[in-house]
Each structure stands twice: as structure tokens, then as C-alpha cells.
Amino acid sequence: MGHWIVAGFMILLAMGLGPAAWAHSKVSQTHPADGAVVQGAPAAVTMIFDKKIRLTKVQMSHGDHAPVALDLGAQKAFLHDFSLPLPDDGPGVYTIKWRGLGEDGHAMQGSFSFQVE
């Protein structure tokens, strides 16, 4: 009888926590790709999310330079795809850190890096 109680509890727990976990958007693709080595700095960085998100902050770090905020423009909408202008700081490792809000109000963040030769 006890195993039925545990099984029922696990089902209720999964039902209660599941939607919150599913609500978070993940980056499904970036350009340049995470870990890529590219020839020359790209003019823009692209992020594609699996669910709509509103970006609130995106920073680029490069070498010993202080992080630089990337221009989000006037975007206030929840979107899947973002393309942001990227300053050319020459060769080295570029790290892009982003923060945003899902449509459900959950705060999210992430990062990816690529190397410019």
C-alpha cells in the first residue's frame, strides 16, 4: 500500500513542478556557435531561443577589456530570434552573457563563447 502513496506523491510532484520547468526558454542556436573558431569578428551575434523571451541585458567580454553592453535597440517584445550588432575587438575569445524574461515572468540567463582568429 505504501508504494501506491509514494507513486501518487511522485505524480503530483511532477505535475506541480513540470510546468514551471517547461516554461524556461533555452538557447537552441547561436551564431557564431558556442565554441566555434571564426575568421574575423562577425558584424552581429545571433541567438535563437526555443520559446519566446524578452532580452533585458546582453554583454560581450573580450580579453582584458571591460564587458561591453550590446545594443538591444528598442526591442520590448517577446521573440524567438535576436540579432545584435557586435563590436570588432580583434582576435581572441568573445564571451556573450545574456539575461532575459520568459513570457511567464521567469528570469533566465546564459552565456556562450567563440574565438576570433
N, C-alpha and C. Protein backbone atom coordinates (compact mmCIF):
# COMPACT_ATOMS: atom_id res chain seq x y z
N MET A 1 0.82 -1.20 0.00
CA MET A 1 0.00 0.00 0.00
C MET A 1 0.86 1.27 0.00
N GLY A 2 1.99 1.22 0.74
CA GLY A 2 2.88 2.37 0.82
C GLY A 2 3.45 2.79 -0.51
N HIS A 3 3.73 1.82 -1.40
CA HIS A 3 4.30 2.18 -2.70
C HIS A 3 3.30 2.94 -3.56
N TRP A 4 2.00 2.73 -3.35
CA TRP A 4 0.99 3.49 -4.09
C TRP A 4 0.95 4.94 -3.63
N ILE A 5 1.16 5.14 -2.34
CA ILE A 5 1.20 6.51 -1.80
C ILE A 5 2.41 7.25 -2.35
N VAL A 6 3.56 6.58 -2.37
CA VAL A 6 4.78 7.20 -2.91
C VAL A 6 4.60 7.50 -4.39
N ALA A 7 4.02 6.55 -5.15
CA ALA A 7 3.80 6.76 -6.59
C ALA A 7 2.85 7.93 -6.81
N GLY A 8 1.78 8.01 -6.02
CA GLY A 8 0.84 9.12 -6.16
C GLY A 8 1.50 10.45 -5.84
N PHE A 9 2.31 10.47 -4.79
CA PHE A 9 3.03 11.69 -4.43
C PHE A 9 3.96 12.12 -5.56
N MET A 10 4.68 11.17 -6.17
CA MET A 10 5.61 11.50 -7.26
C MET A 10 4.87 12.06 -8.47
N ILE A 11 3.70 11.52 -8.77
CA ILE A 11 2.90 12.03 -9.90
C ILE A 11 2.46 13.46 -9.60
N LEU A 12 1.95 13.70 -8.40
CA LEU A 12 1.53 15.06 -8.04
C LEU A 12 2.70 16.03 -8.06
N LEU A 13 3.85 15.60 -7.59
CA LEU A 13 5.04 16.45 -7.60
C LEU A 13 5.44 16.78 -9.03
N ALA A 14 5.43 15.80 -9.91
CA ALA A 14 5.79 16.03 -11.31
C ALA A 14 4.80 16.97 -11.98
N MET A 15 3.52 16.82 -11.66
CA MET A 15 2.51 17.70 -12.25
C MET A 15 2.67 19.14 -11.77
N GLY A 16 3.04 19.30 -10.51
CA GLY A 16 3.20 20.64 -9.96
C GLY A 16 4.46 21.35 -10.40
N LEU A 17 5.56 20.61 -10.50
CA LEU A 17 6.84 21.22 -10.88
C LEU A 17 7.06 21.23 -12.38
N GLY A 18 6.45 20.34 -13.07
CA GLY A 18 6.68 20.21 -14.51
C GLY A 18 6.45 21.48 -15.30
N PRO A 19 5.27 22.10 -15.19
CA PRO A 19 5.02 23.31 -15.98
C PRO A 19 6.03 24.42 -15.73
N ALA A 20 6.50 24.58 -14.48
CA ALA A 20 7.49 25.62 -14.20
C ALA A 20 8.79 25.33 -14.93
N ALA A 21 9.19 24.07 -14.95
CA ALA A 21 10.43 23.72 -15.64
C ALA A 21 10.28 23.87 -17.14
N TRP A 22 9.11 23.54 -17.66
CA TRP A 22 8.90 23.64 -19.11
C TRP A 22 8.83 25.09 -19.58
N ALA A 23 8.53 26.01 -18.69
CA ALA A 23 8.33 27.40 -19.08
C ALA A 23 9.63 28.09 -19.45
N HIS A 24 10.76 27.60 -19.00
CA HIS A 24 12.03 28.27 -19.26
C HIS A 24 12.46 28.06 -20.70
N SER A 25 12.89 29.14 -21.32
CA SER A 25 13.38 29.08 -22.68
C SER A 25 14.87 28.80 -22.68
N LYS A 26 15.31 28.04 -23.65
CA LYS A 26 16.73 27.74 -23.79
C LYS A 26 17.20 28.25 -25.15
N VAL A 27 18.48 28.60 -25.21
CA VAL A 27 19.07 28.97 -26.49
C VAL A 27 19.21 27.69 -27.31
N SER A 28 18.55 27.63 -28.44
CA SER A 28 18.64 26.44 -29.28
C SER A 28 19.75 26.57 -30.32
N GLN A 29 20.14 27.82 -30.63
CA GLN A 29 21.19 28.03 -31.63
C GLN A 29 21.79 29.42 -31.47
N THR A 30 23.09 29.53 -31.68
CA THR A 30 23.74 30.84 -31.71
C THR A 30 24.61 30.90 -32.96
N HIS A 31 24.86 32.11 -33.39
CA HIS A 31 25.81 32.33 -34.48
C HIS A 31 26.67 33.51 -34.09
N PRO A 32 27.96 33.29 -33.97
CA PRO A 32 28.69 32.04 -34.09
C PRO A 32 28.26 31.04 -33.01
N ALA A 33 28.45 29.78 -33.33
CA ALA A 33 28.09 28.71 -32.41
C ALA A 33 28.99 28.73 -31.19
N ASP A 34 28.48 28.23 -30.08
CA ASP A 34 29.26 28.12 -28.86
C ASP A 34 30.48 27.25 -29.12
N GLY A 35 31.67 27.78 -28.83
CA GLY A 35 32.92 27.04 -29.03
C GLY A 35 33.49 27.14 -30.43
N ALA A 36 32.84 27.87 -31.33
CA ALA A 36 33.31 27.99 -32.71
C ALA A 36 34.59 28.81 -32.80
N VAL A 37 35.36 28.55 -33.84
CA VAL A 37 36.52 29.37 -34.18
C VAL A 37 36.21 29.97 -35.54
N VAL A 38 36.20 31.32 -35.62
CA VAL A 38 35.83 32.01 -36.85
C VAL A 38 36.97 32.91 -37.31
N GLN A 39 37.01 33.16 -38.59
CA GLN A 39 37.99 34.07 -39.18
C GLN A 39 37.38 35.47 -39.22
N GLY A 40 37.84 36.36 -38.39
CA GLY A 40 37.32 37.72 -38.35
C GLY A 40 36.06 37.81 -37.51
N ALA A 41 35.93 38.92 -36.81
CA ALA A 41 34.76 39.12 -35.95
C ALA A 41 33.51 39.31 -36.79
N PRO A 42 32.41 38.64 -36.42
CA PRO A 42 31.16 38.85 -37.16
C PRO A 42 30.59 40.23 -36.86
N ALA A 43 29.79 40.74 -37.78
CA ALA A 43 29.17 42.05 -37.59
C ALA A 43 28.06 42.00 -36.55
N ALA A 44 27.50 40.80 -36.34
CA ALA A 44 26.40 40.65 -35.38
C ALA A 44 26.48 39.27 -34.74
N VAL A 45 25.86 39.15 -33.59
CA VAL A 45 25.72 37.87 -32.92
C VAL A 45 24.22 37.54 -32.94
N THR A 46 23.90 36.27 -33.21
CA THR A 46 22.51 35.84 -33.30
C THR A 46 22.23 34.79 -32.24
N MET A 47 21.07 34.91 -31.58
CA MET A 47 20.62 33.92 -30.61
C MET A 47 19.20 33.52 -30.97
N ILE A 48 18.96 32.22 -31.03
CA ILE A 48 17.62 31.69 -31.31
C ILE A 48 17.20 30.86 -30.10
N PHE A 49 16.05 31.19 -29.54
CA PHE A 49 15.52 30.52 -28.36
C PHE A 49 14.40 29.58 -28.75
N ASP A 50 14.20 28.52 -27.95
CA ASP A 50 13.14 27.56 -28.25
C ASP A 50 11.76 28.08 -27.87
N LYS A 51 11.70 29.06 -26.96
CA LYS A 51 10.45 29.72 -26.61
C LYS A 51 10.70 31.22 -26.61
N LYS A 52 9.64 31.99 -26.69
CA LYS A 52 9.80 33.45 -26.73
C LYS A 52 10.37 33.97 -25.42
N ILE A 53 11.21 34.99 -25.56
CA ILE A 53 11.89 35.62 -24.43
C ILE A 53 12.02 37.11 -24.75
N ARG A 54 12.12 37.92 -23.71
CA ARG A 54 12.45 39.34 -23.90
C ARG A 54 13.81 39.54 -23.27
N LEU A 55 14.79 39.87 -24.10
CA LEU A 55 16.13 40.11 -23.58
C LEU A 55 16.14 41.41 -22.79
N THR A 56 16.81 41.39 -21.65
CA THR A 56 16.92 42.59 -20.82
C THR A 56 18.35 43.11 -20.76
N LYS A 57 19.33 42.23 -21.00
CA LYS A 57 20.73 42.65 -20.98
C LYS A 57 21.57 41.63 -21.71
N VAL A 58 22.46 42.13 -22.56
CA VAL A 58 23.43 41.27 -23.24
C VAL A 58 24.78 41.98 -23.18
N GLN A 59 25.81 41.27 -22.70
CA GLN A 59 27.16 41.83 -22.59
C GLN A 59 28.15 40.98 -23.37
N MET A 60 29.15 41.65 -23.93
CA MET A 60 30.25 40.98 -24.59
C MET A 60 31.52 41.23 -23.79
N SER A 61 32.24 40.16 -23.50
CA SER A 61 33.55 40.28 -22.86
C SER A 61 34.59 39.80 -23.85
N HIS A 62 35.75 40.46 -23.85
CA HIS A 62 36.83 40.10 -24.76
C HIS A 62 38.16 40.40 -24.09
N GLY A 63 38.92 39.35 -23.82
CA GLY A 63 40.26 39.54 -23.25
C GLY A 63 40.24 40.32 -21.96
N ASP A 64 41.17 41.28 -21.86
CA ASP A 64 41.31 42.10 -20.65
C ASP A 64 40.38 43.31 -20.64
N HIS A 65 39.63 43.51 -21.72
CA HIS A 65 38.74 44.67 -21.79
C HIS A 65 37.54 44.50 -20.86
N ALA A 66 37.02 45.61 -20.38
CA ALA A 66 35.81 45.59 -19.56
C ALA A 66 34.63 45.12 -20.42
N PRO A 67 33.66 44.42 -19.82
CA PRO A 67 32.49 43.99 -20.59
C PRO A 67 31.77 45.18 -21.22
N VAL A 68 31.23 44.96 -22.41
CA VAL A 68 30.52 45.99 -23.17
C VAL A 68 29.07 45.54 -23.33
N ALA A 69 28.12 46.43 -23.04
CA ALA A 69 26.70 46.12 -23.25
C ALA A 69 26.41 46.18 -24.74
N LEU A 70 25.77 45.14 -25.26
CA LEU A 70 25.36 45.15 -26.66
C LEU A 70 24.04 45.89 -26.79
N ASP A 71 23.86 46.56 -27.92
CA ASP A 71 22.69 47.39 -28.16
C ASP A 71 21.46 46.52 -28.43
N LEU A 72 20.49 46.59 -27.52
CA LEU A 72 19.23 45.85 -27.69
C LEU A 72 18.23 46.64 -28.52
N GLY A 73 18.59 47.87 -28.88
CA GLY A 73 17.68 48.70 -29.64
C GLY A 73 16.44 49.01 -28.82
N ALA A 74 15.33 49.14 -29.49
CA ALA A 74 14.08 49.47 -28.81
C ALA A 74 13.25 48.22 -28.56
N GLN A 75 13.86 47.05 -28.67
CA GLN A 75 13.08 45.81 -28.55
C GLN A 75 12.47 45.68 -27.16
N LYS A 76 11.19 45.47 -27.13
CA LYS A 76 10.46 45.25 -25.88
C LYS A 76 9.56 44.02 -26.02
N ALA A 77 9.57 43.41 -27.20
CA ALA A 77 8.69 42.28 -27.48
C ALA A 77 9.32 40.96 -27.06
N PHE A 78 8.47 39.97 -26.88
CA PHE A 78 8.92 38.61 -26.64
C PHE A 78 9.10 37.95 -28.00
N LEU A 79 10.34 37.51 -28.28
CA LEU A 79 10.69 36.96 -29.58
C LEU A 79 11.45 35.66 -29.43
N HIS A 80 11.59 34.93 -30.54
CA HIS A 80 12.42 33.73 -30.59
C HIS A 80 13.85 34.06 -31.03
N ASP A 81 13.98 34.99 -31.98
CA ASP A 81 15.27 35.27 -32.63
C ASP A 81 15.74 36.69 -32.35
N PHE A 82 17.04 36.81 -32.08
CA PHE A 82 17.64 38.12 -31.85
C PHE A 82 18.95 38.20 -32.61
N SER A 83 19.20 39.32 -33.27
CA SER A 83 20.47 39.59 -33.92
C SER A 83 20.94 40.95 -33.44
N LEU A 84 22.09 40.96 -32.76
CA LEU A 84 22.59 42.19 -32.15
C LEU A 84 23.93 42.58 -32.74
N PRO A 85 24.13 43.87 -33.03
CA PRO A 85 25.42 44.32 -33.56
C PRO A 85 26.55 43.97 -32.58
N LEU A 86 27.68 43.56 -33.13
CA LEU A 86 28.81 43.14 -32.31
C LEU A 86 30.03 44.00 -32.65
N PRO A 87 30.63 44.68 -31.67
CA PRO A 87 31.84 45.45 -31.96
C PRO A 87 33.00 44.51 -32.29
N ASP A 88 33.86 44.95 -33.19
CA ASP A 88 35.04 44.16 -33.58
C ASP A 88 36.19 44.55 -32.67
N ASP A 89 36.54 43.67 -31.75
CA ASP A 89 37.66 43.91 -30.85
C ASP A 89 38.89 43.13 -31.26
N GLY A 90 38.89 42.61 -32.48
CA GLY A 90 40.05 41.87 -32.97
C GLY A 90 40.04 40.42 -32.53
N PRO A 91 41.19 39.75 -32.70
CA PRO A 91 41.26 38.32 -32.37
C PRO A 91 41.16 38.06 -30.87
N GLY A 92 40.75 36.85 -30.53
CA GLY A 92 40.63 36.43 -29.14
C GLY A 92 39.30 35.76 -28.88
N VAL A 93 39.07 35.46 -27.61
CA VAL A 93 37.83 34.80 -27.20
C VAL A 93 36.79 35.86 -26.83
N TYR A 94 35.63 35.74 -27.43
CA TYR A 94 34.49 36.60 -27.14
C TYR A 94 33.50 35.78 -26.32
N THR A 95 33.04 36.34 -25.21
CA THR A 95 32.02 35.69 -24.39
C THR A 95 30.79 36.58 -24.37
N ILE A 96 29.66 35.99 -24.70
CA ILE A 96 28.39 36.70 -24.71
C ILE A 96 27.57 36.19 -23.53
N LYS A 97 27.18 37.11 -22.63
CA LYS A 97 26.32 36.77 -21.50
C LYS A 97 24.99 37.47 -21.69
N TRP A 98 23.92 36.75 -21.53
CA TRP A 98 22.59 37.32 -21.72
C TRP A 98 21.70 37.08 -20.51
N ARG A 99 20.74 37.99 -20.34
CA ARG A 99 19.69 37.86 -19.34
C ARG A 99 18.38 38.24 -20.01
N GLY A 100 17.31 37.62 -19.54
CA GLY A 100 16.01 37.94 -20.11
C GLY A 100 14.88 37.41 -19.26
N LEU A 101 13.67 37.66 -19.74
CA LEU A 101 12.46 37.21 -19.07
C LEU A 101 11.66 36.35 -20.02
N GLY A 102 11.18 35.22 -19.51
CA GLY A 102 10.26 34.40 -20.28
C GLY A 102 8.88 35.04 -20.25
N GLU A 103 8.01 34.58 -21.13
CA GLU A 103 6.65 35.14 -21.17
C GLU A 103 5.91 34.92 -19.85
N ASP A 104 6.33 33.93 -19.07
CA ASP A 104 5.70 33.65 -17.79
C ASP A 104 6.30 34.48 -16.65
N GLY A 105 7.29 35.35 -16.98
CA GLY A 105 7.91 36.21 -15.98
C GLY A 105 9.15 35.65 -15.32
N HIS A 106 9.52 34.41 -15.64
CA HIS A 106 10.73 33.83 -15.05
C HIS A 106 11.98 34.49 -15.62
N ALA A 107 12.90 34.84 -14.72
CA ALA A 107 14.18 35.40 -15.15
C ALA A 107 15.08 34.25 -15.60
N MET A 108 15.81 34.47 -16.68
CA MET A 108 16.72 33.47 -17.22
C MET A 108 18.02 34.14 -17.60
N GLN A 109 19.08 33.32 -17.68
CA GLN A 109 20.37 33.85 -18.11
C GLN A 109 21.18 32.72 -18.72
N GLY A 110 22.19 33.10 -19.46
CA GLY A 110 23.08 32.12 -20.07
C GLY A 110 24.25 32.80 -20.72
N SER A 111 25.12 32.02 -21.31
CA SER A 111 26.28 32.57 -21.99
C SER A 111 26.79 31.58 -23.03
N PHE A 112 27.58 32.09 -23.94
CA PHE A 112 28.29 31.27 -24.91
C PHE A 112 29.54 32.03 -25.35
N SER A 113 30.50 31.29 -25.87
CA SER A 113 31.78 31.90 -26.28
C SER A 113 32.19 31.38 -27.65
N PHE A 114 32.99 32.18 -28.32
CA PHE A 114 33.59 31.77 -29.58
C PHE A 114 34.92 32.48 -29.72
N GLN A 115 35.77 31.97 -30.58
CA GLN A 115 37.10 32.54 -30.77
C GLN A 115 37.22 33.14 -32.17
N VAL A 116 37.80 34.33 -32.23
CA VAL A 116 38.07 35.01 -33.49
C VAL A 116 39.57 34.93 -33.76
N GLU A 117 39.92 34.44 -34.92
CA GLU A 117 41.34 34.36 -35.31
C GLU A 117 41.72 35.53 -36.17
